[in-house]
Each structure stands twice: as C-alpha cells, then as structure tokens.
Amino acid sequence: MVSKVVILTNQTDEDIAGKMLLALSTVKTHVSVLYSKWHVKNRAEAIKKGSMLGYLDYASVVNEGF
C-alpha cells in the first residue's frame, strides 16, 4: 500500500511508483482514494490536509520547494 506520507511529498506519481516498485496505476488509485477520503482535489490540498491531520510538517514540505 502506498503510504499517506509518500503521497504527501513533492514527488510525481511516476517517481513514487518507480521507487516503491509499483505499477503507476496502483499509485494513481491510492492517490485518488486518499483525495476522495480527505475531500481534496489535488496534491497541494492533500499536503495541507495531511499537515492538519498530523501526518507531516507542512513547513518542511514548503521549505523543500513544493
């Protein structure tokens, strides 16, 4: 399973799939399910929501240049 923390990075779906040795469609499915559960439309909104839920430090993501 693709971790919420991995999805909430500034990596592309292709990068995540390659690093985790998963099919791109698997990553896209997990991303889509997460967006639906959190009622967000894109990765930027997901990062903010993930920060609010305590999954990551929003400031650290912003400082990485997202």
N, C-alpha and C. Protein backbone atom coordinates (compact mmCIF):
# COMPACT_ATOMS: atom_id res chain seq x y z
N MET A 1 0.84 -1.18 0.00
CA MET A 1 0.00 0.00 0.00
C MET A 1 0.88 1.25 0.00
N VAL A 2 0.45 2.24 -0.72
CA VAL A 2 1.20 3.48 -0.79
C VAL A 2 0.89 4.29 0.46
N SER A 3 1.93 4.65 1.18
CA SER A 3 1.78 5.40 2.42
C SER A 3 1.27 6.81 2.17
N LYS A 4 0.45 7.30 3.10
CA LYS A 4 -0.03 8.69 3.02
C LYS A 4 1.15 9.65 2.99
N VAL A 5 2.18 9.34 3.76
CA VAL A 5 3.33 10.22 3.83
C VAL A 5 4.05 10.28 2.49
N VAL A 6 4.12 9.17 1.78
CA VAL A 6 4.76 9.16 0.46
C VAL A 6 3.95 9.99 -0.53
N ILE A 7 2.64 9.86 -0.48
CA ILE A 7 1.78 10.63 -1.39
C ILE A 7 1.91 12.12 -1.10
N LEU A 8 2.14 12.46 0.15
CA LEU A 8 2.17 13.86 0.55
C LEU A 8 3.55 14.48 0.38
N THR A 9 4.27 14.07 -0.62
CA THR A 9 5.57 14.65 -0.93
C THR A 9 5.47 15.34 -2.29
N ASN A 10 6.54 16.00 -2.68
CA ASN A 10 6.51 16.68 -3.96
C ASN A 10 7.00 15.78 -5.09
N GLN A 11 6.90 14.45 -4.90
CA GLN A 11 7.27 13.51 -5.95
C GLN A 11 6.08 13.28 -6.89
N THR A 12 6.39 12.98 -8.13
CA THR A 12 5.32 12.65 -9.08
C THR A 12 4.85 11.22 -8.82
N ASP A 13 3.69 10.89 -9.35
CA ASP A 13 3.19 9.52 -9.25
C ASP A 13 4.19 8.55 -9.87
N GLU A 14 4.80 8.95 -10.97
CA GLU A 14 5.78 8.10 -11.64
C GLU A 14 6.99 7.84 -10.74
N ASP A 15 7.47 8.89 -10.04
CA ASP A 15 8.60 8.73 -9.13
C ASP A 15 8.26 7.77 -7.99
N ILE A 16 7.07 7.94 -7.43
CA ILE A 16 6.64 7.08 -6.32
C ILE A 16 6.54 5.63 -6.80
N ALA A 17 5.93 5.41 -7.95
CA ALA A 17 5.79 4.05 -8.49
C ALA A 17 7.16 3.41 -8.70
N GLY A 18 8.09 4.16 -9.27
CA GLY A 18 9.42 3.62 -9.52
C GLY A 18 10.17 3.28 -8.24
N LYS A 19 10.10 4.15 -7.26
CA LYS A 19 10.82 3.93 -6.00
C LYS A 19 10.22 2.81 -5.17
N MET A 20 8.90 2.62 -5.29
CA MET A 20 8.24 1.59 -4.49
C MET A 20 8.00 0.30 -5.28
N LEU A 21 8.47 0.27 -6.53
CA LEU A 21 8.32 -0.88 -7.41
C LEU A 21 6.85 -1.29 -7.56
N LEU A 22 6.01 -0.29 -7.83
CA LEU A 22 4.58 -0.49 -8.03
C LEU A 22 4.21 -0.04 -9.43
N ALA A 23 3.09 -0.54 -9.90
CA ALA A 23 2.56 -0.06 -11.17
C ALA A 23 2.06 1.36 -10.97
N LEU A 24 2.21 2.17 -12.00
CA LEU A 24 1.74 3.55 -11.94
C LEU A 24 0.24 3.59 -11.63
N SER A 25 -0.51 2.67 -12.19
CA SER A 25 -1.96 2.64 -11.94
C SER A 25 -2.27 2.38 -10.46
N THR A 26 -1.44 1.61 -9.79
CA THR A 26 -1.63 1.36 -8.36
C THR A 26 -1.46 2.64 -7.57
N VAL A 27 -0.42 3.39 -7.87
CA VAL A 27 -0.17 4.66 -7.18
C VAL A 27 -1.32 5.62 -7.44
N LYS A 28 -1.74 5.72 -8.69
CA LYS A 28 -2.83 6.64 -9.04
C LYS A 28 -4.12 6.26 -8.31
N THR A 29 -4.38 4.97 -8.18
CA THR A 29 -5.57 4.53 -7.45
C THR A 29 -5.50 4.95 -5.99
N HIS A 30 -4.36 4.73 -5.34
CA HIS A 30 -4.20 5.10 -3.94
C HIS A 30 -4.32 6.61 -3.74
N VAL A 31 -3.74 7.36 -4.65
CA VAL A 31 -3.83 8.83 -4.58
C VAL A 31 -5.29 9.25 -4.71
N SER A 32 -5.99 8.67 -5.66
CA SER A 32 -7.40 9.01 -5.88
C SER A 32 -8.25 8.69 -4.65
N VAL A 33 -8.01 7.54 -4.04
CA VAL A 33 -8.77 7.15 -2.84
C VAL A 33 -8.49 8.13 -1.70
N LEU A 34 -7.23 8.50 -1.53
CA LEU A 34 -6.88 9.46 -0.47
C LEU A 34 -7.57 10.80 -0.71
N TYR A 35 -7.51 11.29 -1.94
CA TYR A 35 -8.17 12.57 -2.26
C TYR A 35 -9.67 12.50 -1.94
N SER A 36 -10.29 11.39 -2.28
CA SER A 36 -11.71 11.23 -2.04
C SER A 36 -12.02 11.22 -0.54
N LYS A 37 -11.25 10.46 0.22
CA LYS A 37 -11.48 10.37 1.66
C LYS A 37 -11.28 11.71 2.36
N TRP A 38 -10.31 12.46 1.89
CA TRP A 38 -9.99 13.74 2.53
C TRP A 38 -10.73 14.91 1.88
N HIS A 39 -11.51 14.66 0.85
CA HIS A 39 -12.28 15.71 0.16
C HIS A 39 -11.37 16.83 -0.35
N VAL A 40 -10.29 16.42 -1.03
CA VAL A 40 -9.37 17.38 -1.64
C VAL A 40 -9.32 17.12 -3.14
N LYS A 41 -8.82 18.10 -3.89
CA LYS A 41 -8.81 18.00 -5.35
C LYS A 41 -7.43 17.79 -5.95
N ASN A 42 -6.37 18.10 -5.19
CA ASN A 42 -5.03 17.98 -5.74
C ASN A 42 -4.01 17.75 -4.63
N ARG A 43 -2.77 17.53 -5.04
CA ARG A 43 -1.73 17.19 -4.08
C ARG A 43 -1.45 18.35 -3.12
N ALA A 44 -1.53 19.58 -3.59
CA ALA A 44 -1.29 20.72 -2.70
C ALA A 44 -2.32 20.75 -1.57
N GLU A 45 -3.59 20.53 -1.91
CA GLU A 45 -4.63 20.48 -0.88
C GLU A 45 -4.41 19.28 0.04
N ALA A 46 -3.97 18.16 -0.52
CA ALA A 46 -3.72 16.96 0.29
C ALA A 46 -2.58 17.21 1.28
N ILE A 47 -1.55 17.93 0.85
CA ILE A 47 -0.44 18.24 1.74
C ILE A 47 -0.92 19.10 2.91
N LYS A 48 -1.74 20.09 2.62
CA LYS A 48 -2.28 20.93 3.69
C LYS A 48 -3.14 20.11 4.65
N LYS A 49 -4.00 19.26 4.09
CA LYS A 49 -4.87 18.43 4.91
C LYS A 49 -4.05 17.43 5.73
N GLY A 50 -3.05 16.83 5.12
CA GLY A 50 -2.18 15.89 5.82
C GLY A 50 -1.45 16.55 6.97
N SER A 51 -1.07 17.80 6.78
CA SER A 51 -0.43 18.56 7.84
C SER A 51 -1.42 18.81 8.98
N MET A 52 -2.65 19.17 8.63
CA MET A 52 -3.67 19.42 9.64
C MET A 52 -3.98 18.16 10.44
N LEU A 53 -3.90 17.00 9.80
CA LEU A 53 -4.18 15.73 10.46
C LEU A 53 -2.96 15.16 11.19
N GLY A 54 -1.82 15.82 11.06
CA GLY A 54 -0.62 15.39 11.77
C GLY A 54 0.24 14.37 11.06
N TYR A 55 0.00 14.16 9.76
CA TYR A 55 0.80 13.19 9.01
C TYR A 55 2.17 13.74 8.59
N LEU A 56 2.30 15.05 8.52
CA LEU A 56 3.58 15.64 8.14
C LEU A 56 3.64 17.09 8.60
N ASP A 57 4.83 17.62 8.57
CA ASP A 57 5.06 19.01 8.93
C ASP A 57 4.99 19.86 7.67
N TYR A 58 3.93 20.64 7.54
CA TYR A 58 3.70 21.45 6.34
C TYR A 58 4.88 22.37 6.05
N ALA A 59 5.46 22.97 7.09
CA ALA A 59 6.59 23.89 6.89
C ALA A 59 7.77 23.19 6.22
N SER A 60 8.01 21.94 6.57
CA SER A 60 9.14 21.22 5.96
C SER A 60 8.89 20.96 4.48
N VAL A 61 7.64 20.70 4.11
CA VAL A 61 7.30 20.47 2.71
C VAL A 61 7.45 21.76 1.92
N VAL A 62 6.98 22.87 2.48
CA VAL A 62 7.08 24.15 1.81
C VAL A 62 8.54 24.53 1.63
N ASN A 63 9.36 24.26 2.60
CA ASN A 63 10.78 24.60 2.51
C ASN A 63 11.51 23.74 1.48
N GLU A 64 10.96 22.57 1.14
CA GLU A 64 11.57 21.73 0.11
C GLU A 64 11.24 22.22 -1.28
N GLY A 65 10.41 23.22 -1.40
CA GLY A 65 10.12 23.81 -2.69
C GLY A 65 8.92 23.27 -3.40
N PHE A 66 7.95 22.75 -2.66
CA PHE A 66 6.74 22.23 -3.30
C PHE A 66 5.98 23.32 -3.96
